[in-house]
């Protein structure tokens, strides 16, 4: 964004108001949009691998801190899945420089940029998926163990408000 720049759009999008909680869930995973006076994103993850474990990150929307606190969080994957992903034609642009790889023994390519980098990356995923709305409602978006699928289900619900 810093290199490409921002182009101001002149189309006025209808505001999405969150008056009551809106949520979707699957098992113990969920994502919710809660009424709030500020735009905030909170994300929790929980993995059996001790290198990841249970992590949370909460961030109040601020374009100034996004570049330093959220954007640098790399995607992550698991060592035992790498060969299968490659065989299926996936992760073509993935490398040990732009993705974290975790094994049962810990991170294959430390150091992490943040102690909770995986949770921050999931928060970044949520922000990206919510961008499908065209505008962010003023809300507290809260997610736990969610996925792109749950994120986009929430987007569909919000578009129907």
Protein backbone atom coordinates (compact mmCIF):
# COMPACT_ATOMS: atom_id res chain seq x y z
CA UNK A 1 0.00 0.00 0.00
CA UNK A 2 2.83 2.36 0.88
CA UNK A 3 4.46 1.80 -2.53
CA UNK A 4 1.33 1.58 -4.68
CA UNK A 5 -0.55 4.34 -2.93
CA UNK A 6 -4.22 4.86 -2.25
CA UNK A 7 -6.77 6.15 -4.74
CA UNK A 8 -9.73 7.94 -3.24
CA UNK A 9 -13.07 6.51 -4.33
CA UNK A 10 -16.03 8.81 -4.77
CA UNK A 11 -18.81 6.24 -4.68
CA UNK A 12 -20.71 6.41 -1.42
CA UNK A 13 -21.28 2.96 -0.01
CA UNK A 14 -24.22 2.33 2.28
CA UNK A 15 -23.14 2.14 5.89
CA UNK A 16 -23.51 -1.19 7.64
CA UNK A 17 -24.69 -0.70 11.20
CA UNK A 18 -24.14 -3.40 13.79
CA UNK A 19 -26.98 -2.90 16.27
CA UNK A 20 -27.02 -6.49 17.57
CA UNK A 21 -24.32 -9.19 17.58
CA UNK A 22 -23.99 -11.06 14.29
CA UNK A 23 -22.08 -14.33 14.36
CA UNK A 24 -21.40 -17.60 12.62
CA UNK A 25 -19.91 -20.71 14.12
CA UNK A 26 -18.83 -24.21 13.27
CA UNK A 27 -18.06 -26.44 16.23
CA UNK A 28 -15.99 -24.40 18.65
CA UNK A 29 -14.85 -21.97 15.93
CA UNK A 30 -16.68 -18.68 15.48
CA UNK A 31 -16.49 -15.16 14.12
CA UNK A 32 -18.71 -12.34 15.34
CA UNK A 33 -19.42 -8.68 14.67
CA UNK A 34 -20.33 -6.96 17.93
CA UNK A 35 -21.72 -3.45 18.39
CA UNK A 36 -18.89 -1.09 19.31
CA UNK A 37 -17.91 2.57 19.35
CA UNK A 38 -14.64 1.73 17.61
CA UNK A 39 -13.41 -0.57 14.85
CA UNK A 40 -11.52 -3.38 16.58
CA UNK A 41 -10.37 -6.85 15.57
CA UNK A 42 -9.59 -9.63 18.07
CA UNK A 43 -8.48 -13.11 17.06
CA UNK A 44 -7.70 -16.26 19.00
CA UNK A 45 -6.17 -19.51 17.84
CA UNK A 46 -5.47 -22.78 19.61
CA UNK A 47 -3.20 -25.50 18.22
CA UNK A 48 -1.87 -28.62 19.88
CA UNK A 49 1.65 -27.85 18.67
CA UNK A 50 3.38 -26.20 21.61
CA UNK A 51 5.20 -23.69 19.39
CA UNK A 52 1.81 -22.15 18.58
CA UNK A 53 -0.50 -23.18 21.43
CA UNK A 54 -3.18 -20.69 22.44
CA UNK A 55 -2.63 -17.13 21.21
CA UNK A 56 -4.69 -13.97 21.00
CA UNK A 57 -4.23 -10.58 19.44
CA UNK A 58 -6.52 -7.56 19.63
CA UNK A 59 -5.99 -4.44 17.54
CA UNK A 60 -7.90 -1.18 17.23
CA UNK A 61 -8.05 -0.07 13.61
CA UNK A 62 -5.38 2.50 12.91
CA UNK A 63 -3.78 2.89 9.48
CA UNK A 64 -0.62 4.20 11.16
CA UNK A 65 -0.02 1.03 13.21
CA UNK A 66 -1.28 -1.45 10.60
CA UNK A 67 2.01 -1.44 8.68
CA UNK A 68 4.07 -2.12 11.80
CA UNK A 69 1.79 -4.36 13.87
CA UNK A 70 -0.41 -6.37 11.48
CA UNK A 71 0.87 -6.39 7.89
CA UNK A 72 4.26 -8.03 8.69
CA UNK A 73 2.61 -11.14 10.18
CA UNK A 74 3.46 -14.05 7.89
CA UNK A 75 1.22 -16.94 7.02
CA UNK A 76 2.07 -20.22 8.70
CA UNK A 77 1.85 -23.88 7.89
CA UNK A 78 2.86 -27.27 9.16
CA UNK A 79 5.92 -29.23 8.09
CA UNK A 80 3.97 -32.47 7.64
CA UNK A 81 1.68 -30.79 5.06
CA UNK A 82 4.31 -29.13 2.84
CA UNK A 83 4.88 -31.96 0.34
CA UNK A 84 1.15 -32.62 -0.11
CA UNK A 85 0.48 -28.92 -0.69
CA UNK A 86 3.25 -28.77 -3.31
CA UNK A 87 1.97 -31.96 -4.99
CA UNK A 88 -1.46 -30.32 -5.28
CA UNK A 89 0.03 -27.26 -6.99
CA UNK A 90 -0.42 -25.03 -3.95
CA UNK A 91 2.03 -22.77 -2.07
CA UNK A 92 3.86 -21.97 -5.31
CA UNK A 93 4.99 -18.61 -3.96
CA UNK A 94 5.71 -19.93 -0.48
CA UNK A 95 9.21 -19.86 0.95
CA UNK A 96 10.87 -19.92 4.34
CA UNK A 97 11.24 -16.14 4.01
CA UNK A 98 7.54 -15.34 3.59
CA UNK A 99 5.91 -18.15 5.58
CA UNK A 100 6.47 -19.74 8.96
CA UNK A 101 6.71 -23.53 9.10
CA UNK A 102 5.97 -25.37 12.32
CA UNK A 103 6.89 -28.94 13.22
CA UNK A 104 6.40 -31.00 16.35
CA UNK A 105 9.85 -29.78 17.43
CA UNK A 106 9.03 -26.09 16.99
CA UNK A 107 9.51 -23.50 14.28
CA UNK A 108 11.70 -24.57 11.37
CA UNK A 109 12.51 -20.98 10.44
CA UNK A 110 12.63 -18.75 13.51
CA UNK A 111 12.66 -16.05 14.69
CA UNK A 112 9.06 -14.93 14.73
CA UNK A 113 8.45 -11.24 14.09
CA UNK A 114 6.02 -11.18 17.04
CA UNK A 115 5.53 -13.71 19.84
CA UNK A 116 1.94 -14.15 18.62
CA UNK A 117 2.66 -13.83 14.89
CA UNK A 118 0.27 -16.67 13.90
CA UNK A 119 -2.65 -14.98 15.69
CA UNK A 120 -1.77 -11.67 14.05
CA UNK A 121 -1.72 -13.33 10.63
CA UNK A 122 -5.17 -14.83 11.22
CA UNK A 123 -6.34 -11.33 12.18
CA UNK A 124 -4.86 -10.09 8.90
CA UNK A 125 -6.78 -12.83 7.05
CA UNK A 126 -9.99 -11.65 8.74
CA UNK A 127 -9.36 -8.04 7.70
CA UNK A 128 -8.76 -9.17 4.13
CA UNK A 129 -11.94 -11.23 4.00
CA UNK A 130 -14.01 -8.43 5.55
CA UNK A 131 -12.69 -6.12 2.83
CA UNK A 132 -15.20 -7.86 0.57
CA UNK A 133 -17.77 -5.61 2.26
CA UNK A 134 -16.24 -2.55 0.58
CA UNK A 135 -16.34 -0.72 3.91
CA UNK A 136 -15.81 -1.71 7.51
CA UNK A 137 -18.76 -1.34 9.86
CA UNK A 138 -17.87 0.20 13.20
CA UNK A 139 -17.82 -3.00 15.21
CA UNK A 140 -15.66 -5.28 17.28
CA UNK A 141 -14.88 -8.29 15.11
CA UNK A 142 -14.09 -11.22 17.36
CA UNK A 143 -12.92 -14.58 16.00
CA UNK A 144 -11.68 -17.81 17.50
CA UNK A 145 -10.27 -20.74 15.52
CA UNK A 146 -12.16 -19.44 12.48
CA UNK A 147 -11.36 -19.90 8.80
CA UNK A 148 -11.74 -18.02 5.53
CA UNK A 149 -15.00 -19.94 5.10
CA UNK A 150 -16.43 -18.64 8.38
CA UNK A 151 -15.14 -15.13 7.65
CA UNK A 152 -16.95 -15.05 4.31
CA UNK A 153 -20.13 -16.48 5.86
CA UNK A 154 -20.08 -13.49 8.22
CA UNK A 155 -19.59 -11.16 5.24
CA UNK A 156 -22.70 -12.64 3.61
CA UNK A 157 -24.72 -12.09 6.78
CA UNK A 158 -23.50 -8.50 7.11
CA UNK A 159 -24.42 -7.75 3.50
CA UNK A 160 -27.97 -8.86 4.28
CA UNK A 161 -28.42 -6.41 7.19
